[in-house]
Amino acid sequence: MATLTLHDVPDELILKLKHRAREHGRSLVHEAVVCLESMVQPSPDPKTVAKAPQDADRANDPVLAAELAEFAEMRSWFKGPPIDEAELVAATERDSH
């Protein structure tokens, strides 16, 4: 992995980054990497979101595109990899019994 050194970072920005790191249970460095990753990843293209024919009408929905972008941002707030569908179904079934 490469090393990145930043100079002249405003104190206020460092304080905000430290606060975010505490909220997310991350180190300052990990929080900075997560923030950088979220800024360089492209926003989801609504045309590629639709996977099933019944979803085709929703592919051009600007509200859906905005919500997906918001969800992508929220995902960066959590530690660990995204939960896949099987894990989500298993957790839902476990909690519903």
Protein backbone atom coordinates (compact mmCIF):
# COMPACT_ATOMS: atom_id res chain seq x y z
CA MET A 1 0.00 0.00 0.00
CA ALA A 2 1.14 3.51 -0.72
CA THR A 3 1.64 6.28 1.83
CA LEU A 4 0.04 9.69 1.41
CA THR A 5 1.26 12.71 3.37
CA LEU A 6 -0.91 15.83 3.49
CA HIS A 7 0.40 19.27 4.36
CA ASP A 8 -1.45 22.40 5.49
CA VAL A 9 -4.61 20.57 6.53
CA PRO A 10 -6.84 23.05 8.42
CA ASP A 11 -7.24 22.30 12.14
CA GLU A 12 -11.03 22.45 11.81
CA LEU A 13 -10.95 19.73 9.15
CA ILE A 14 -8.79 17.51 11.38
CA LEU A 15 -11.23 17.99 14.26
CA LYS A 16 -14.19 17.07 12.05
CA LEU A 17 -12.36 14.02 10.75
CA LYS A 18 -11.48 12.92 14.30
CA HIS A 19 -15.12 13.34 15.33
CA ARG A 20 -16.30 11.21 12.37
CA ALA A 21 -13.67 8.58 13.21
CA ARG A 22 -14.93 8.36 16.81
CA GLU A 23 -18.54 8.11 15.65
CA HIS A 24 -17.68 5.25 13.29
CA GLY A 25 -15.26 3.47 15.62
CA ARG A 26 -12.35 3.94 13.23
CA SER A 27 -8.86 5.30 13.46
CA LEU A 28 -8.21 8.75 12.02
CA VAL A 29 -6.25 7.20 9.15
CA HIS A 30 -9.00 4.66 8.37
CA GLU A 31 -11.65 7.40 8.43
CA ALA A 32 -9.57 9.52 6.04
CA VAL A 33 -9.21 6.56 3.65
CA VAL A 34 -12.97 5.86 3.78
CA CYS A 35 -13.71 9.53 3.04
CA LEU A 36 -11.27 9.55 0.12
CA GLU A 37 -12.71 6.30 -1.26
CA SER A 38 -16.25 7.67 -1.12
CA MET A 39 -15.18 10.74 -3.09
CA VAL A 40 -13.45 8.89 -5.93
CA GLN A 41 -16.01 6.13 -6.47
CA PRO A 42 -18.45 7.00 -9.24
CA SER A 43 -22.09 7.50 -8.35
CA PRO A 44 -24.30 4.64 -9.43
CA ASP A 45 -25.60 5.04 -12.96
CA PRO A 46 -29.37 4.56 -12.86
CA LYS A 47 -29.20 2.84 -16.27
CA THR A 48 -27.04 0.04 -14.83
CA VAL A 49 -29.03 -0.34 -11.62
CA ALA A 50 -31.93 -2.18 -13.27
CA LYS A 51 -31.21 -5.90 -13.44
CA ALA A 52 -34.63 -7.40 -14.02
CA PRO A 53 -37.09 -6.43 -16.80
CA GLN A 54 -39.61 -5.17 -14.23
CA ASP A 55 -36.92 -2.77 -12.94
CA ALA A 56 -36.37 -1.18 -16.35
CA ASP A 57 -38.94 1.56 -15.71
CA ARG A 58 -37.11 2.56 -12.54
CA ALA A 59 -33.70 2.84 -14.26
CA ASN A 60 -34.40 6.43 -15.37
CA ASP A 61 -36.02 7.54 -12.12
CA PRO A 62 -34.07 10.55 -10.75
CA VAL A 63 -35.51 10.04 -7.26
CA LEU A 64 -34.23 6.46 -7.20
CA ALA A 65 -30.82 7.58 -8.46
CA ALA A 66 -30.62 10.18 -5.67
CA GLU A 67 -31.63 7.61 -3.05
CA LEU A 68 -29.04 5.12 -4.31
CA ALA A 69 -26.34 7.79 -4.13
CA GLU A 70 -27.43 8.60 -0.57
CA PHE A 71 -27.32 4.91 0.39
CA ALA A 72 -23.83 4.61 -1.10
CA GLU A 73 -22.71 7.53 1.09
CA MET A 74 -24.33 5.99 4.18
CA ARG A 75 -22.61 2.68 3.48
CA SER A 76 -19.25 4.41 4.00
CA TRP A 77 -20.28 5.24 7.57
CA PHE A 78 -20.12 1.60 8.65
CA LYS A 79 -17.16 -0.64 9.31
CA GLY A 80 -16.70 -3.88 7.42
CA PRO A 81 -17.87 -5.07 4.03
CA PRO A 82 -21.44 -4.60 2.83
CA ILE A 83 -23.95 -7.23 3.94
CA ASP A 84 -25.02 -9.44 1.07
CA GLU A 85 -28.60 -10.52 0.44
CA ALA A 86 -28.16 -13.97 2.03
CA GLU A 87 -26.85 -12.45 5.27
CA LEU A 88 -29.70 -9.93 5.33
CA VAL A 89 -32.33 -12.64 4.80
CA ALA A 90 -30.77 -14.83 7.50
CA ALA A 91 -30.71 -11.94 9.99
CA THR A 92 -34.31 -11.03 9.18
CA GLU A 93 -35.48 -14.60 9.61
CA ARG A 94 -33.51 -14.99 12.86
CA ASP A 95 -35.00 -11.78 14.32
CA SER A 96 -38.57 -12.61 13.27
CA HIS A 97 -38.76 -15.87 15.28
